[in-house]
Amino acid sequence: MAQSTIPIRDTRSTTLDGTGGGSVQFGPSRPNTRWLIQGVSVNVSSNTEEATGVLYRGGERVSETFTASSGDSDNDLPAIPLWPGETYRFQWTGGDAGATATLSFRGEEITGM
């Protein structure tokens, strides 16, 4: 099978719980694909309490932001492919309970091996 690359741009959202915490995760699910994530940005619908956040790959901390409510981004992620079953997870803490927290990501999906 020939290898092909298509751009990825997507979002994941969650409602922050009573403590102002929440998380989203993302990664490839189709066989014979891998993702190279090149950047993420985060935002929360309100910021009376300023949420903080951490991006994990598996259990490893990859990047963190101290202003996860106001649109911080990281466009310098390691170029390590994610295979089906592997995920990134972003964890918000300390935000406004009930607020909508959104993570947007971009990268490439590579199909074929």
PDB file of N, CA and C in Angstrom:
ATOM      1  N   MET A   1       0.844  -1.178   0.000  1.00  0.00           N
ATOM      2  CA  MET A   1       0.000   0.000   0.000  1.00  0.00           C
ATOM      3  C   MET A   1       0.889   1.242   0.000  1.00  0.00           C
ATOM      4  N   ALA A   2       0.582   2.175  -0.880  1.00  0.00           N
ATOM      5  CA  ALA A   2       1.343   3.419  -0.949  1.00  0.00           C
ATOM      6  C   ALA A   2       1.040   4.287   0.263  1.00  0.00           C
ATOM      7  N   GLN A   3       2.036   5.010   0.690  1.00  0.00           N
ATOM      8  CA  GLN A   3       1.869   5.903   1.844  1.00  0.00           C
ATOM      9  C   GLN A   3       1.271   7.221   1.383  1.00  0.00           C
ATOM     10  N   SER A   4       0.324   7.753   2.144  1.00  0.00           N
ATOM     11  CA  SER A   4      -0.248   9.063   1.843  1.00  0.00           C
ATOM     12  C   SER A   4      -0.380   9.859   3.136  1.00  0.00           C
ATOM     13  N   THR A   5      -0.374  11.172   2.994  1.00  0.00           N
ATOM     14  CA  THR A   5      -0.456  12.076   4.141  1.00  0.00           C
ATOM     15  C   THR A   5      -1.611  13.045   3.927  1.00  0.00           C
ATOM     16  N   ILE A   6      -2.456  13.170   4.954  1.00  0.00           N
ATOM     17  CA  ILE A   6      -3.529  14.155   4.889  1.00  0.00           C
ATOM     18  C   ILE A   6      -3.465  15.029   6.147  1.00  0.00           C
ATOM     19  N   PRO A   7      -3.803  16.310   6.019  1.00  0.00           N
ATOM     20  CA  PRO A   7      -3.775  17.186   7.192  1.00  0.00           C
ATOM     21  C   PRO A   7      -4.893  16.842   8.175  1.00  0.00           C
ATOM     22  N   ILE A   8      -4.606  17.043   9.453  1.00  0.00           N
ATOM     23  CA  ILE A   8      -5.589  16.864  10.522  1.00  0.00           C
ATOM     24  C   ILE A   8      -5.799  18.218  11.188  1.00  0.00           C
ATOM     25  N   ARG A   9      -7.038  18.590  11.375  1.00  0.00           N
ATOM     26  CA  ARG A   9      -7.441  19.737  12.200  1.00  0.00           C
ATOM     27  C   ARG A   9      -8.723  19.320  12.881  1.00  0.00           C
ATOM     28  N   ASP A  10      -8.721  19.298  14.214  1.00  0.00           N
ATOM     29  CA  ASP A  10      -9.902  18.820  14.925  1.00  0.00           C
ATOM     30  C   ASP A  10      -9.940  19.450  16.316  1.00  0.00           C
ATOM     31  N   THR A  11     -11.060  19.277  17.003  1.00  0.00           N
ATOM     32  CA  THR A  11     -11.218  19.788  18.361  1.00  0.00           C
ATOM     33  C   THR A  11     -11.853  18.721  19.244  1.00  0.00           C
ATOM     34  N   ARG A  12     -11.611  18.854  20.533  1.00  0.00           N
ATOM     35  CA  ARG A  12     -12.257  18.034  21.556  1.00  0.00           C
ATOM     36  C   ARG A  12     -12.698  18.980  22.666  1.00  0.00           C
ATOM     37  N   SER A  13     -13.897  18.751  23.210  1.00  0.00           N
ATOM     38  CA  SER A  13     -14.420  19.619  24.272  1.00  0.00           C
ATOM     39  C   SER A  13     -14.927  18.793  25.439  1.00  0.00           C
ATOM     40  N   THR A  14     -14.958  19.432  26.612  1.00  0.00           N
ATOM     41  CA  THR A  14     -15.524  18.831  27.807  1.00  0.00           C
ATOM     42  C   THR A  14     -16.084  19.942  28.679  1.00  0.00           C
ATOM     43  N   THR A  15     -16.964  19.598  29.590  1.00  0.00           N
ATOM     44  CA  THR A  15     -17.474  20.536  30.576  1.00  0.00           C
ATOM     45  C   THR A  15     -16.693  20.331  31.865  1.00  0.00           C
ATOM     46  N   LEU A  16     -16.126  21.418  32.410  1.00  0.00           N
ATOM     47  CA  LEU A  16     -15.342  21.309  33.639  1.00  0.00           C
ATOM     48  C   LEU A  16     -16.244  20.940  34.806  1.00  0.00           C
ATOM     49  N   ASP A  17     -15.763  20.049  35.655  1.00  0.00           N
ATOM     50  CA  ASP A  17     -16.559  19.556  36.785  1.00  0.00           C
ATOM     51  C   ASP A  17     -16.597  20.572  37.922  1.00  0.00           C
ATOM     52  N   GLY A  18     -17.159  20.182  39.061  1.00  0.00           N
ATOM     53  CA  GLY A  18     -17.312  21.070  40.213  1.00  0.00           C
ATOM     54  C   GLY A  18     -16.018  21.601  40.783  1.00  0.00           C
ATOM     55  N   THR A  19     -14.910  20.948  40.511  1.00  0.00           N
ATOM     56  CA  THR A  19     -13.602  21.429  40.972  1.00  0.00           C
ATOM     57  C   THR A  19     -12.883  22.243  39.904  1.00  0.00           C
ATOM     58  N   GLY A  20     -13.519  22.393  38.726  1.00  0.00           N
ATOM     59  CA  GLY A  20     -12.884  23.125  37.628  1.00  0.00           C
ATOM     60  C   GLY A  20     -11.927  22.265  36.829  1.00  0.00           C
ATOM     61  N   GLY A  21     -12.078  20.949  36.926  1.00  0.00           N
ATOM     62  CA  GLY A  21     -11.207  20.036  36.208  1.00  0.00           C
ATOM     63  C   GLY A  21     -11.920  19.298  35.104  1.00  0.00           C
ATOM     64  N   GLY A  22     -11.159  18.830  34.148  1.00  0.00           N
ATOM     65  CA  GLY A  22     -11.698  18.034  33.053  1.00  0.00           C
ATOM     66  C   GLY A  22     -10.571  17.618  32.141  1.00  0.00           C
ATOM     67  N   SER A  23     -10.856  16.689  31.253  1.00  0.00           N
ATOM     68  CA  SER A  23      -9.817  16.250  30.323  1.00  0.00           C
ATOM     69  C   SER A  23     -10.440  15.802  29.006  1.00  0.00           C
ATOM     70  N   VAL A  24      -9.622  15.835  27.967  1.00  0.00           N
ATOM     71  CA  VAL A  24      -9.965  15.295  26.657  1.00  0.00           C
ATOM     72  C   VAL A  24      -8.775  14.490  26.173  1.00  0.00           C
ATOM     73  N   GLN A  25      -9.039  13.522  25.299  1.00  0.00           N
ATOM     74  CA  GLN A  25      -7.938  12.781  24.709  1.00  0.00           C
ATOM     75  C   GLN A  25      -8.190  12.584  23.226  1.00  0.00           C
ATOM     76  N   PHE A  26      -7.099  12.333  22.488  1.00  0.00           N
ATOM     77  CA  PHE A  26      -7.210  12.154  21.050  1.00  0.00           C
ATOM     78  C   PHE A  26      -6.036  11.330  20.555  1.00  0.00           C
ATOM     79  N   GLY A  27      -6.295  10.619  19.468  1.00  0.00           N
ATOM     80  CA  GLY A  27      -5.275   9.796  18.841  1.00  0.00           C
ATOM     81  C   GLY A  27      -5.902   9.000  17.712  1.00  0.00           C
ATOM     82  N   PRO A  28      -5.083   8.351  16.912  1.00  0.00           N
ATOM     83  CA  PRO A  28      -5.600   7.610  15.765  1.00  0.00           C
ATOM     84  C   PRO A  28      -6.308   6.335  16.205  1.00  0.00           C
ATOM     85  N   SER A  29      -7.318   5.950  15.428  1.00  0.00           N
ATOM     86  CA  SER A  29      -8.024   4.716  15.745  1.00  0.00           C
ATOM     87  C   SER A  29      -8.098   3.770  14.547  1.00  0.00           C
ATOM     88  N   ARG A  30      -7.805   4.260  13.369  1.00  0.00           N
ATOM     89  CA  ARG A  30      -7.880   3.410  12.176  1.00  0.00           C
ATOM     90  C   ARG A  30      -6.595   2.597  12.024  1.00  0.00           C
ATOM     91  N   PRO A  31      -6.705   1.325  11.633  1.00  0.00           N
ATOM     92  CA  PRO A  31      -5.508   0.507  11.406  1.00  0.00           C
ATOM     93  C   PRO A  31      -4.643   1.092  10.291  1.00  0.00           C
ATOM     94  N   ASN A  32      -3.374   0.806  10.332  1.00  0.00           N
ATOM     95  CA  ASN A  32      -2.406   1.235   9.314  1.00  0.00           C
ATOM     96  C   ASN A  32      -2.312   2.745   9.163  1.00  0.00           C
ATOM     97  N   THR A  33      -2.516   3.463  10.275  1.00  0.00           N
ATOM     98  CA  THR A  33      -2.333   4.915  10.264  1.00  0.00           C
ATOM     99  C   THR A  33      -1.449   5.309  11.432  1.00  0.00           C
ATOM    100  N   ARG A  34      -0.894   6.479  11.324  1.00  0.00           N
ATOM    101  CA  ARG A  34      -0.203   7.098  12.457  1.00  0.00           C
ATOM    102  C   ARG A  34      -0.403   8.602  12.338  1.00  0.00           C
ATOM    103  N   TRP A  35      -0.408   9.264  13.480  1.00  0.00           N
ATOM    104  CA  TRP A  35      -0.581  10.713  13.516  1.00  0.00           C
ATOM    105  C   TRP A  35       0.716  11.369  13.966  1.00  0.00           C
ATOM    106  N   LEU A  36       1.047  12.483  13.345  1.00  0.00           N
ATOM    107  CA  LEU A  36       2.100  13.377  13.816  1.00  0.00           C
ATOM    108  C   LEU A  36       1.410  14.678  14.201  1.00  0.00           C
ATOM    109  N   ILE A  37       1.272  14.923  15.498  1.00  0.00           N
ATOM    110  CA  ILE A  37       0.616  16.132  15.987  1.00  0.00           C
ATOM    111  C   ILE A  37       1.661  17.239  16.064  1.00  0.00           C
ATOM    112  N   GLN A  38       1.357  18.373  15.433  1.00  0.00           N
ATOM    113  CA  GLN A  38       2.311  19.468  15.338  1.00  0.00           C
ATOM    114  C   GLN A  38       1.974  20.640  16.246  1.00  0.00           C
ATOM    115  N   GLY A  39       0.751  20.719  16.721  1.00  0.00           N
ATOM    116  CA  GLY A  39       0.398  21.830  17.593  1.00  0.00           C
ATOM    117  C   GLY A  39      -0.962  21.642  18.227  1.00  0.00           C
ATOM    118  N   VAL A  40      -1.114  22.217  19.417  1.00  0.00           N
ATOM    119  CA  VAL A  40      -2.389  22.215  20.124  1.00  0.00           C
ATOM    120  C   VAL A  40      -2.633  23.613  20.674  1.00  0.00           C
ATOM    121  N   SER A  41      -3.898  23.961  20.826  1.00  0.00           N
ATOM    122  CA  SER A  41      -4.260  25.191  21.528  1.00  0.00           C
ATOM    123  C   SER A  41      -5.471  24.876  22.402  1.00  0.00           C
ATOM    124  N   VAL A  42      -5.576  25.600  23.515  1.00  0.00           N
ATOM    125  CA  VAL A  42      -6.652  25.351  24.474  1.00  0.00           C
ATOM    126  C   VAL A  42      -7.362  26.653  24.810  1.00  0.00           C
ATOM    127  N   ASN A  43      -8.622  26.499  25.211  1.00  0.00           N
ATOM    128  CA  ASN A  43      -9.431  27.646  25.574  1.00  0.00           C
ATOM    129  C   ASN A  43     -10.547  27.158  26.494  1.00  0.00           C
ATOM    130  N   VAL A  44     -11.029  28.045  27.356  1.00  0.00           N
ATOM    131  CA  VAL A  44     -12.169  27.747  28.225  1.00  0.00           C
ATOM    132  C   VAL A  44     -13.149  28.897  28.073  1.00  0.00           C
ATOM    133  N   SER A  45     -14.449  28.577  28.103  1.00  0.00           N
ATOM    134  CA  SER A  45     -15.475  29.573  27.802  1.00  0.00           C
ATOM    135  C   SER A  45     -15.566  30.702  28.815  1.00  0.00           C
ATOM    136  N   SER A  46     -15.052  30.514  30.027  1.00  0.00           N
ATOM    137  CA  SER A  46     -15.003  31.605  31.010  1.00  0.00           C
ATOM    138  C   SER A  46     -13.733  31.443  31.827  1.00  0.00           C
ATOM    139  N   ASN A  47     -13.266  32.545  32.380  1.00  0.00           N
ATOM    140  CA  ASN A  47     -12.018  32.457  33.152  1.00  0.00           C
ATOM    141  C   ASN A  47     -12.030  33.352  34.380  1.00  0.00           C
ATOM    142  N   THR A  48     -13.125  33.305  35.150  1.00  0.00           N
ATOM    143  CA  THR A  48     -13.115  33.958  36.456  1.00  0.00           C
ATOM    144  C   THR A  48     -11.996  33.330  37.286  1.00  0.00           C
ATOM    145  N   GLU A  49     -11.958  31.997  37.264  1.00  0.00           N
ATOM    146  CA  GLU A  49     -10.817  31.246  37.809  1.00  0.00           C
ATOM    147  C   GLU A  49      -9.988  30.808  36.612  1.00  0.00           C
ATOM    148  N   GLU A  50      -8.704  31.139  36.617  1.00  0.00           N
ATOM    149  CA  GLU A  50      -7.830  30.804  35.487  1.00  0.00           C
ATOM    150  C   GLU A  50      -7.399  29.350  35.555  1.00  0.00           C
ATOM    151  N   ALA A  51      -7.885  28.538  34.619  1.00  0.00           N
ATOM    152  CA  ALA A  51      -7.518  27.123  34.572  1.00  0.00           C
ATOM    153  C   ALA A  51      -6.055  26.972  34.185  1.00  0.00           C
ATOM    154  N   THR A  52      -5.439  25.933  34.712  1.00  0.00           N
ATOM    155  CA  THR A  52      -4.118  25.523  34.253  1.00  0.00           C
ATOM    156  C   THR A  52      -4.286  24.186  33.551  1.00  0.00           C
ATOM    157  N   GLY A  53      -3.285  23.797  32.790  1.00  0.00           N
ATOM    158  CA  GLY A  53      -3.428  22.549  32.067  1.00  0.00           C
ATOM    159  C   GLY A  53      -2.103  21.905  31.739  1.00  0.00           C
ATOM    160  N   VAL A  54      -2.170  20.584  31.524  1.00  0.00           N
ATOM    161  CA  VAL A  54      -1.001  19.783  31.185  1.00  0.00           C
ATOM    162  C   VAL A  54      -1.378  18.839  30.048  1.00  0.00           C
ATOM    163  N   LEU A  55      -0.470  18.694  29.077  1.00  0.00           N
ATOM    164  CA  LEU A  55      -0.647  17.744  27.985  1.00  0.00           C
ATOM    165  C   LEU A  55       0.225  16.527  28.270  1.00  0.00           C
ATOM    166  N   TYR A  56      -0.396  15.344  28.205  1.00  0.00           N
ATOM    167  CA  TYR A  56       0.297  14.080  28.446  1.00  0.00           C
ATOM    168  C   TYR A  56       0.268  13.236  27.176  1.00  0.00           C
ATOM    169  N   ARG A  57       1.300  12.483  26.979  1.00  0.00           N
ATOM    170  CA  ARG A  57       1.343  11.429  25.957  1.00  0.00           C
ATOM    171  C   ARG A  57       1.494  10.136  26.726  1.00  0.00           C
ATOM    172  N   GLY A  58       0.450   9.307  26.715  1.00  0.00           N
ATOM    173  CA  GLY A  58       0.451   8.163  27.627  1.00  0.00           C
ATOM    174  C   GLY A  58       0.483   8.738  29.037  1.00  0.00           C
ATOM    175  N   GLY A  59       1.404   8.331  29.870  1.00  0.00           N
ATOM    176  CA  GLY A  59       1.533   8.882  31.209  1.00  0.00           C
ATOM    177  C   GLY A  59       2.605   9.944  31.344  1.00  0.00           C
ATOM    178  N   GLU A  60       3.246  10.314  30.235  1.00  0.00           N
ATOM    179  CA  GLU A  60       4.369  11.256  30.261  1.00  0.00           C
ATOM    180  C   GLU A  60       3.917  12.684  29.985  1.00  0.00           C
ATOM    181  N   ARG A  61       4.341  13.609  30.843  1.00  0.00           N
ATOM    182  CA  ARG A  61       4.045  15.032  30.654  1.00  0.00           C
ATOM    183  C   ARG A  61       4.845  15.537  29.455  1.00  0.00           C
ATOM    184  N   VAL A  62       4.131  16.127  28.494  1.00  0.00           N
ATOM    185  CA  VAL A  62       4.766  16.599  27.268  1.00  0.00           C
ATOM    186  C   VAL A  62       4.890  18.117  27.265  1.00  0.00           C
ATOM    187  N   SER A  63       3.847  18.798  27.745  1.00  0.00           N
ATOM    188  CA  SER A  63       3.810  20.259  27.694  1.00  0.00           C
ATOM    189  C   SER A  63       2.821  20.740  28.731  1.00  0.00           C
ATOM    190  N   GLU A  64       3.029  21.953  29.238  1.00  0.00           N
ATOM    191  CA  GLU A  64       2.041  22.508  30.152  1.00  0.00           C
ATOM    192  C   GLU A  64       1.887  23.992  29.926  1.00  0.00           C
ATOM    193  N   THR A  65       0.734  24.483  30.317  1.00  0.00           N
ATOM    194  CA  THR A  65       0.426  25.898  30.194  1.00  0.00           C
ATOM    195  C   THR A  65      -0.149  26.367  31.522  1.00  0.00           C
ATOM    196  N   PHE A  66       0.091  27.603  31.839  1.00  0.00           N
ATOM    197  CA  PHE A  66      -0.442  28.151  33.089  1.00  0.00           C
ATOM    198  C   PHE A  66      -1.662  29.014  32.847  1.00  0.00           C
ATOM    199  N   THR A  67      -2.061  29.196  31.595  1.00  0.00           N
ATOM    200  CA  THR A  67      -3.244  29.997  31.285  1.00  0.00           C
ATOM    201  C   THR A  67      -4.144  29.224  30.326  1.00  0.00           C
ATOM    202  N   ALA A  68      -4.602  28.077  30.757  1.00  0.00           N
ATOM    203  CA  ALA A  68      -5.368  27.184  29.885  1.00  0.00           C
ATOM    204  C   ALA A  68      -6.752  27.723  29.559  1.00  0.00           C
ATOM    205  N   SER A  69      -7.184  28.803  30.203  1.00  0.00           N
ATOM    206  CA  SER A  69      -8.489  29.394  29.884  1.00  0.00           C
ATOM    207  C   SER A  69      -8.414  30.337  28.702  1.00  0.00           C
ATOM    208  N   SER A  70      -7.261  30.897  28.442  1.00  0.00           N
ATOM    209  CA  SER A  70      -7.215  32.043  27.547  1.00  0.00           C
ATOM    210  C   SER A  70      -6.578  31.793  26.185  1.00  0.00           C
ATOM    211  N   GLY A  71      -6.514  30.553  25.755  1.00  0.00           N
ATOM    212  CA  GLY A  71      -6.093  30.302  24.380  1.00  0.00           C
ATOM    213  C   GLY A  71      -4.621  30.008  24.195  1.00  0.00           C
ATOM    214  N   ASP A  72      -3.938  29.530  25.209  1.00  0.00           N
ATOM    215  CA  ASP A  72      -2.532  29.174  25.045  1.00  0.00           C
ATOM    216  C   ASP A  72      -2.365  28.079  23.998  1.00  0.00           C
ATOM    217  N   SER A  73      -1.185  28.056  23.374  1.00  0.00           N
ATOM    218  CA  SER A  73      -0.912  27.019  22.394  1.00  0.00           C
ATOM    219  C   SER A  73       0.518  26.547  22.518  1.00  0.00           C
ATOM    220  N   ASP A  74       0.768  25.356  22.014  1.00  0.00           N
ATOM    221  CA  ASP A  74       2.103  24.782  21.934  1.00  0.00           C
ATOM    222  C   ASP A  74       2.262  24.254  20.527  1.00  0.00           C
ATOM    223  N   ASN A  75       3.146  24.878  19.778  1.00  0.00           N
ATOM    224  CA  ASN A  75       3.372  24.479  18.394  1.00  0.00           C
ATOM    225  C   ASN A  75       4.747  23.858  18.212  1.00  0.00           C
ATOM    226  N   ASP A  76       5.292  23.314  19.290  1.00  0.00           N
ATOM    227  CA  ASP A  76       6.625  22.730  19.244  1.00  0.00           C
ATOM    228  C   ASP A  76       6.611  21.353  19.906  1.00  0.00           C
ATOM    229  N   LEU A  77       5.642  20.523  19.524  1.00  0.00           N
ATOM    230  CA  LEU A  77       5.540  19.189  20.098  1.00  0.00           C
ATOM    231  C   LEU A  77       6.568  18.262  19.450  1.00  0.00           C
ATOM    232  N   PRO A  78       7.041  17.261  20.184  1.00  0.00           N
ATOM    233  CA  PRO A  78       8.004  16.330  19.595  1.00  0.00           C
ATOM    234  C   PRO A  78       7.382  15.566  18.426  1.00  0.00           C
ATOM    235  N   ALA A  79       8.148  15.381  17.366  1.00  0.00           N
ATOM    236  CA  ALA A  79       7.649  14.703  16.159  1.00  0.00           C
ATOM    237  C   ALA A  79       7.737  13.186  16.331  1.00  0.00           C
ATOM    238  N   ILE A  80       7.002  12.687  17.310  1.00  0.00           N
ATOM    239  CA  ILE A  80       6.958  11.259  17.590  1.00  0.00           C
ATOM    240  C   ILE A  80       5.588  10.758  17.136  1.00  0.00           C
ATOM    241  N   PRO A  81       5.528   9.765  16.256  1.00  0.00           N
ATOM    242  CA  PRO A  81       4.224   9.328  15.772  1.00  0.00           C
ATOM    243  C   PRO A  81       3.378   8.681  16.859  1.00  0.00           C
ATOM    244  N   LEU A  82       2.075   8.918  16.761  1.00  0.00           N
ATOM    245  CA  LEU A  82       1.078   8.222  17.582  1.00  0.00           C
ATOM    246  C   LEU A  82       0.493   7.114  16.725  1.00  0.00           C
ATOM    247  N   TRP A  83       0.475   5.916  17.251  1.00  0.00           N
ATOM    248  CA  TRP A  83      -0.077   4.760  16.558  1.00  0.00           C
ATOM    249  C   TRP A  83      -1.470   4.471  17.112  1.00  0.00           C
ATOM    250  N   PRO A  84      -2.301   3.714  16.395  1.00  0.00           N
ATOM    251  CA  PRO A  84      -3.616   3.359  16.928  1.00  0.00           C
ATOM    252  C   PRO A  84      -3.493   2.768  18.330  1.00  0.00           C
ATOM    253  N   GLY A  85      -4.329   3.265  19.236  1.00  0.00           N
ATOM    254  CA  GLY A  85      -4.276   2.845  20.637  1.00  0.00           C
ATOM    255  C   GLY A  85      -3.456   3.775  21.517  1.00  0.00           C
ATOM    256  N   GLU A  86      -2.612   4.636  20.933  1.00  0.00           N
ATOM    257  CA  GLU A  86      -1.847   5.619  21.699  1.00  0.00           C
ATOM    258  C   GLU A  86      -2.604   6.947  21.654  1.00  0.00           C
ATOM    259  N   THR A  87      -2.492   7.729  22.725  1.00  0.00           N
ATOM    260  CA  THR A  87      -3.238   8.984  22.784  1.00  0.00           C
ATOM    261  C   THR A  87      -2.439  10.094  23.450  1.00  0.00           C
ATOM    262  N   TYR A  88      -2.847  11.318  23.128  1.00  0.00           N
ATOM    263  CA  TYR A  88      -2.523  12.497  23.920  1.00  0.00           C
ATOM    264  C   TYR A  88      -3.738  12.753  24.806  1.00  0.00           C
ATOM    265  N   ARG A  89      -3.486  13.286  26.012  1.00  0.00           N
ATOM    266  CA  ARG A  89      -4.568  13.668  26.918  1.00  0.00           C
ATOM    267  C   ARG A  89      -4.220  15.034  27.490  1.00  0.00           C
ATOM    268  N   PHE A  90      -5.186  15.964  27.454  1.00  0.00           N
ATOM    269  CA  PHE A  90      -4.992  17.273  28.072  1.00  0.00           C
ATOM    270  C   PHE A  90      -5.859  17.338  29.312  1.00  0.00           C
ATOM    271  N   GLN A  91      -5.269  17.769  30.432  1.00  0.00           N
ATOM    272  CA  GLN A  91      -5.964  17.832  31.721  1.00  0.00           C
ATOM    273  C   GLN A  91      -6.037  19.282  32.188  1.00  0.00           C
ATOM    274  N   TRP A  92      -7.260  19.801  32.354  1.00  0.00           N
ATOM    275  CA  TRP A  92      -7.471  21.132  32.927  1.00  0.00           C
ATOM    276  C   TRP A  92      -7.671  20.997  34.430  1.00  0.00           C
ATOM    277  N   THR A  93      -7.198  21.970  35.196  1.00  0.00           N
ATOM    278  CA  THR A  93      -7.466  22.045  36.633  1.00  0.00           C
ATOM    279  C   THR A  93      -7.693  23.498  37.022  1.00  0.00           C
ATOM    280  N   GLY A  94      -8.498  23.705  38.058  1.00  0.00           N
ATOM    281  CA  GLY A  94      -8.677  25.024  38.645  1.00  0.00           C
ATOM    282  C   GLY A  94      -9.479  26.017  37.842  1.00  0.00           C
ATOM    283  N   GLY A  95     -10.262  25.570  36.884  1.00  0.00           N
ATOM    284  CA  GLY A  95     -11.072  26.482  36.076  1.00  0.00           C
ATOM    285  C   GLY A  95     -12.442  26.713  36.683  1.00  0.00           C
ATOM    286  N   ASP A  96     -13.292  27.373  35.928  1.00  0.00           N
ATOM    287  CA  ASP A  96     -14.656  27.657  36.364  1.00  0.00           C
ATOM    288  C   ASP A  96     -15.531  26.411  36.192  1.00  0.00           C
ATOM    289  N   ALA A  97     -16.151  25.966  37.281  1.00  0.00           N
ATOM    290  CA  ALA A  97     -17.057  24.813  37.211  1.00  0.00           C
ATOM    291  C   ALA A  97     -18.149  25.084  36.188  1.00  0.00           C
ATOM    292  N   GLY A  98     -18.420  24.105  35.327  1.00  0.00           N
ATOM    293  CA  GLY A  98     -19.466  24.229  34.324  1.00  0.00           C
ATOM    294  C   GLY A  98     -19.035  24.877  33.021  1.00  0.00           C
ATOM    295  N   ALA A  99     -17.822  25.423  32.969  1.00  0.00           N
ATOM    296  CA  ALA A  99     -17.338  26.052  31.740  1.00  0.00           C
ATOM    297  C   ALA A  99     -17.007  24.978  30.699  1.00  0.00           C
ATOM    298  N   THR A 100     -17.101  25.347  29.427  1.00  0.00           N
ATOM    299  CA  THR A 100     -16.717  24.450  28.340  1.00  0.00           C
ATOM    300  C   THR A 100     -15.242  24.655  28.030  1.00  0.00           C
ATOM    301  N   ALA A 101     -14.475  23.577  28.122  1.00  0.00           N
ATOM    302  CA  ALA A 101     -13.037  23.607  27.829  1.00  0.00           C
ATOM    303  C   ALA A 101     -12.814  22.927  26.484  1.00  0.00           C
ATOM    304  N   THR A 102     -12.048  23.578  25.612  1.00  0.00           N
ATOM    305  CA  THR A 102     -11.844  23.075  24.264  1.00  0.00           C
ATOM    306  C   THR A 102     -10.365  23.014  23.932  1.00  0.00           C
ATOM    307  N   LEU A 103      -9.971  21.913  23.320  1.00  0.00           N
ATOM    308  CA  LEU A 103      -8.614  21.738  22.799  1.00  0.00           C
ATOM    309  C   LEU A 103      -8.728  21.568  21.289  1.00  0.00           C
ATOM    310  N   SER A 104      -7.933  22.318  20.546  1.00  0.00           N
ATOM    311  CA  SER A 104      -7.840  22.161  19.097  1.00  0.00           C
ATOM    312  C   SER A 104      -6.454  21.618  18.782  1.00  0.00           C
ATOM    313  N   PHE A 105      -6.375  20.728  17.802  1.00  0.00           N
ATOM    314  CA  PHE A 105      -5.065  20.195  17.439  1.00  0.00           C
ATOM    315  C   PHE A 105      -4.931  20.128  15.914  1.00  0.00           C
ATOM    316  N   ARG A 106      -3.686  20.119  15.489  1.00  0.00           N
ATOM    317  CA  ARG A 106      -3.387  20.024  14.061  1.00  0.00           C
ATOM    318  C   ARG A 106      -2.174  19.125  13.861  1.00  0.00           C
ATOM    319  N   GLY A 107      -2.108  18.542  12.714  1.00  0.00           N
ATOM    320  CA  GLY A 107      -0.989  17.651  12.403  1.00  0.00           C
ATOM    321  C   GLY A 107      -1.237  16.947  11.086  1.00  0.00           C
ATOM    322  N   GLU A 108      -0.704  15.729  10.982  1.00  0.00           N
ATOM    323  CA  GLU A 108      -0.841  14.939   9.769  1.00  0.00           C
ATOM    324  C   GLU A 108      -1.223  13.508  10.121  1.00  0.00           C
ATOM    325  N   GLU A 109      -2.067  12.924   9.306  1.00  0.00           N
ATOM    326  CA  GLU A 109      -2.347  11.499   9.391  1.00  0.00           C
ATOM    327  C   GLU A 109      -1.633  10.826   8.225  1.00  0.00           C
ATOM    328  N   ILE A 110      -0.831   9.836   8.534  1.00  0.00           N
ATOM    329  CA  ILE A 110      -0.076   9.113   7.518  1.00  0.00           C
ATOM    330  C   ILE A 110      -0.673   7.716   7.425  1.00  0.00           C
ATOM    331  N   THR A 111      -1.106   7.346   6.235  1.00  0.00           N
ATOM    332  CA  THR A 111      -1.687   6.023   6.025  1.00  0.00           C
ATOM    333  C   THR A 111      -0.733   5.182   5.189  1.00  0.00           C
ATOM    334  N   GLY A 112      -0.862   3.878   5.321  1.00  0.00           N
ATOM    335  CA  GLY A 112       0.029   2.974   4.619  1.00  0.00           C
ATOM    336  C   GLY A 112       1.334   2.835   5.381  1.00  0.00           C
ATOM    337  N   MET A 113       2.005   1.764   5.184  1.00  0.00           N
ATOM    338  CA  MET A 113       3.249   1.533   5.923  1.00  0.00           C
ATOM    339  C   MET A 113       4.388   1.218   4.995  1.00  0.00           C
TER     340      MET A 113
END
